[in-house]
Amino acid sequence: MTEHRDHLSVDTLYTEVLLAALEKIPDEHDRRDFARVLVSVVPAQEPLAVDVLGQLLNIDPAVIYDLLRDIHPILSVPDESGTLNSEVAHTFHAFPPDYMTSHDSE
């Protein structure tokens, strides 16, 4: 029972953080880029360098930093100022693998 409750509270945290971040992204194109970055970083077996992620998705690394700045509770995203684009973005926690797919229909 406790494990189920813990899973629900982590899901709630992720949902709140993601919804708050999306509210700050009014442009639909930027929202799509945000989603593309998330679905690339979260399931990655190894952390991805921001510049590599930008190349893969054809998104400027500066835009990636901007899109992800509000989801630090979920992802470790290097601060753009004073860092190199080769720094990696990765999940802090074992992001539940089914979190994103189980919320597709909601």
C-alpha atoms as a PDB file:
ATOM      1  CA  MET A   1       0.000   0.000   0.000  1.00  0.00           C
ATOM      2  CA  THR A   2       2.793   2.440   0.879  1.00  0.00           C
ATOM      3  CA  GLU A   3       4.599   1.756  -2.401  1.00  0.00           C
ATOM      4  CA  HIS A   4       1.404   2.525  -4.344  1.00  0.00           C
ATOM      5  CA  ARG A   5       0.891   5.757  -2.367  1.00  0.00           C
ATOM      6  CA  ASP A   6       4.536   6.776  -2.947  1.00  0.00           C
ATOM      7  CA  HIS A   7       4.137   6.112  -6.676  1.00  0.00           C
ATOM      8  CA  LEU A   8       1.039   8.321  -6.726  1.00  0.00           C
ATOM      9  CA  SER A   9       2.801  11.165  -4.923  1.00  0.00           C
ATOM     10  CA  VAL A  10       5.746  11.022  -7.338  1.00  0.00           C
ATOM     11  CA  ASP A  11       3.313  11.019 -10.269  1.00  0.00           C
ATOM     12  CA  THR A  12       1.564  14.017  -8.721  1.00  0.00           C
ATOM     13  CA  LEU A  13       4.873  15.859  -8.364  1.00  0.00           C
ATOM     14  CA  TYR A  14       5.829  15.149 -11.981  1.00  0.00           C
ATOM     15  CA  THR A  15       2.408  16.221 -13.209  1.00  0.00           C
ATOM     16  CA  GLU A  16       2.470  19.468 -11.232  1.00  0.00           C
ATOM     17  CA  VAL A  17       5.982  20.354 -12.387  1.00  0.00           C
ATOM     18  CA  LEU A  18       5.226  19.572 -16.039  1.00  0.00           C
ATOM     19  CA  LEU A  19       1.912  21.446 -16.040  1.00  0.00           C
ATOM     20  CA  ALA A  20       3.510  24.497 -14.391  1.00  0.00           C
ATOM     21  CA  ALA A  21       6.275  24.469 -17.007  1.00  0.00           C
ATOM     22  CA  LEU A  22       3.767  24.131 -19.859  1.00  0.00           C
ATOM     23  CA  GLU A  23       1.777  27.108 -18.570  1.00  0.00           C
ATOM     24  CA  LYS A  24       4.880  29.225 -19.106  1.00  0.00           C
ATOM     25  CA  ILE A  25       5.212  28.093 -22.739  1.00  0.00           C
ATOM     26  CA  PRO A  26       2.363  29.798 -24.610  1.00  0.00           C
ATOM     27  CA  ASP A  27       3.639  29.090 -28.134  1.00  0.00           C
ATOM     28  CA  GLU A  28       2.353  25.792 -29.566  1.00  0.00           C
ATOM     29  CA  HIS A  29       5.558  25.186 -31.549  1.00  0.00           C
ATOM     30  CA  ASP A  30       7.631  25.592 -28.369  1.00  0.00           C
ATOM     31  CA  ARG A  31       5.281  23.209 -26.538  1.00  0.00           C
ATOM     32  CA  ARG A  32       5.912  20.582 -29.221  1.00  0.00           C
ATOM     33  CA  ASP A  33       9.670  21.128 -28.886  1.00  0.00           C
ATOM     34  CA  PHE A  34       9.329  20.779 -25.091  1.00  0.00           C
ATOM     35  CA  ALA A  35       7.568  17.438 -25.562  1.00  0.00           C
ATOM     36  CA  ARG A  36      10.155  16.263 -28.103  1.00  0.00           C
ATOM     37  CA  VAL A  37      12.994  17.066 -25.702  1.00  0.00           C
ATOM     38  CA  LEU A  38      11.271  15.283 -22.811  1.00  0.00           C
ATOM     39  CA  VAL A  39      10.579  12.109 -24.744  1.00  0.00           C
ATOM     40  CA  SER A  40      14.217  12.092 -25.829  1.00  0.00           C
ATOM     41  CA  VAL A  41      15.837  12.717 -22.438  1.00  0.00           C
ATOM     42  CA  VAL A  42      13.612  10.701 -20.096  1.00  0.00           C
ATOM     43  CA  PRO A  43      13.964   7.232 -21.674  1.00  0.00           C
ATOM     44  CA  ALA A  44      17.624   7.680 -22.659  1.00  0.00           C
ATOM     45  CA  GLN A  45      19.889   4.956 -21.301  1.00  0.00           C
ATOM     46  CA  GLU A  46      22.709   7.466 -20.913  1.00  0.00           C
ATOM     47  CA  PRO A  47      22.519  11.209 -20.205  1.00  0.00           C
ATOM     48  CA  LEU A  48      22.490  13.312 -23.365  1.00  0.00           C
ATOM     49  CA  ALA A  49      24.717  16.314 -23.978  1.00  0.00           C
ATOM     50  CA  VAL A  50      22.590  19.365 -24.673  1.00  0.00           C
ATOM     51  CA  ASP A  51      24.399  20.112 -27.932  1.00  0.00           C
ATOM     52  CA  VAL A  52      23.908  16.516 -29.125  1.00  0.00           C
ATOM     53  CA  LEU A  53      20.250  16.637 -28.146  1.00  0.00           C
ATOM     54  CA  GLY A  54      19.924  19.874 -30.099  1.00  0.00           C
ATOM     55  CA  GLN A  55      21.492  18.266 -33.161  1.00  0.00           C
ATOM     56  CA  LEU A  56      19.277  15.189 -32.931  1.00  0.00           C
ATOM     57  CA  LEU A  57      16.095  17.240 -32.623  1.00  0.00           C
ATOM     58  CA  ASN A  58      17.204  20.190 -34.754  1.00  0.00           C
ATOM     59  CA  ILE A  59      16.593  22.554 -31.839  1.00  0.00           C
ATOM     60  CA  ASP A  60      19.057  25.244 -30.781  1.00  0.00           C
ATOM     61  CA  PRO A  61      20.670  24.288 -27.437  1.00  0.00           C
ATOM     62  CA  ALA A  62      19.764  27.739 -26.050  1.00  0.00           C
ATOM     63  CA  VAL A  63      16.111  26.929 -26.760  1.00  0.00           C
ATOM     64  CA  ILE A  64      16.468  23.588 -24.959  1.00  0.00           C
ATOM     65  CA  TYR A  65      17.828  25.358 -21.875  1.00  0.00           C
ATOM     66  CA  ASP A  66      14.953  27.821 -22.018  1.00  0.00           C
ATOM     67  CA  LEU A  67      12.294  25.127 -22.431  1.00  0.00           C
ATOM     68  CA  LEU A  68      13.606  22.995 -19.576  1.00  0.00           C
ATOM     69  CA  ARG A  69      14.492  25.676 -17.028  1.00  0.00           C
ATOM     70  CA  ASP A  70      11.319  25.120 -14.990  1.00  0.00           C
ATOM     71  CA  ILE A  71      11.533  21.350 -14.619  1.00  0.00           C
ATOM     72  CA  HIS A  72      14.637  21.096 -12.460  1.00  0.00           C
ATOM     73  CA  PRO A  73      12.771  18.960  -9.886  1.00  0.00           C
ATOM     74  CA  ILE A  74      12.530  16.270 -12.588  1.00  0.00           C
ATOM     75  CA  LEU A  75      15.582  16.785 -14.781  1.00  0.00           C
ATOM     76  CA  SER A  76      19.094  17.914 -14.086  1.00  0.00           C
ATOM     77  CA  VAL A  77      19.549  20.558 -16.729  1.00  0.00           C
ATOM     78  CA  PRO A  78      22.846  22.444 -16.706  1.00  0.00           C
ATOM     79  CA  ASP A  79      22.509  26.177 -16.249  1.00  0.00           C
ATOM     80  CA  GLU A  80      23.142  27.811 -19.606  1.00  0.00           C
ATOM     81  CA  SER A  81      25.266  30.608 -18.180  1.00  0.00           C
ATOM     82  CA  GLY A  82      28.836  29.590 -17.604  1.00  0.00           C
ATOM     83  CA  THR A  83      28.470  26.027 -18.839  1.00  0.00           C
ATOM     84  CA  LEU A  84      29.343  24.252 -22.012  1.00  0.00           C
ATOM     85  CA  ASN A  85      26.728  22.812 -24.344  1.00  0.00           C
ATOM     86  CA  SER A  86      28.407  19.457 -23.894  1.00  0.00           C
ATOM     87  CA  GLU A  87      27.000  19.232 -20.357  1.00  0.00           C
ATOM     88  CA  VAL A  88      24.310  16.627 -19.996  1.00  0.00           C
ATOM     89  CA  ALA A  89      20.607  16.691 -19.209  1.00  0.00           C
ATOM     90  CA  HIS A  90      19.364  13.684 -17.257  1.00  0.00           C
ATOM     91  CA  THR A  91      16.718  12.605 -14.787  1.00  0.00           C
ATOM     92  CA  PHE A  92      17.401  13.043 -11.072  1.00  0.00           C
ATOM     93  CA  HIS A  93      15.319  10.081 -10.035  1.00  0.00           C
ATOM     94  CA  ALA A  94      14.369   6.791 -11.579  1.00  0.00           C
ATOM     95  CA  PHE A  95      11.637   8.419 -13.645  1.00  0.00           C
ATOM     96  CA  PRO A  96       8.880   5.822 -13.798  1.00  0.00           C
ATOM     97  CA  PRO A  97       9.169   4.413 -17.316  1.00  0.00           C
ATOM     98  CA  ASP A  98       5.418   4.259 -17.688  1.00  0.00           C
ATOM     99  CA  TYR A  99       4.747   7.801 -16.427  1.00  0.00           C
ATOM    100  CA  MET A 100       4.682   9.509 -19.816  1.00  0.00           C
ATOM    101  CA  THR A 101       2.910   6.711 -21.667  1.00  0.00           C
ATOM    102  CA  SER A 102       0.343   6.106 -18.938  1.00  0.00           C
ATOM    103  CA  HIS A 103      -0.689   9.768 -19.138  1.00  0.00           C
ATOM    104  CA  ASP A 104      -1.061   9.929 -22.926  1.00  0.00           C
ATOM    105  CA  SER A 105      -4.812   9.456 -22.876  1.00  0.00           C
ATOM    106  CA  GLU A 106      -5.527  11.863 -20.005  1.00  0.00           C
END
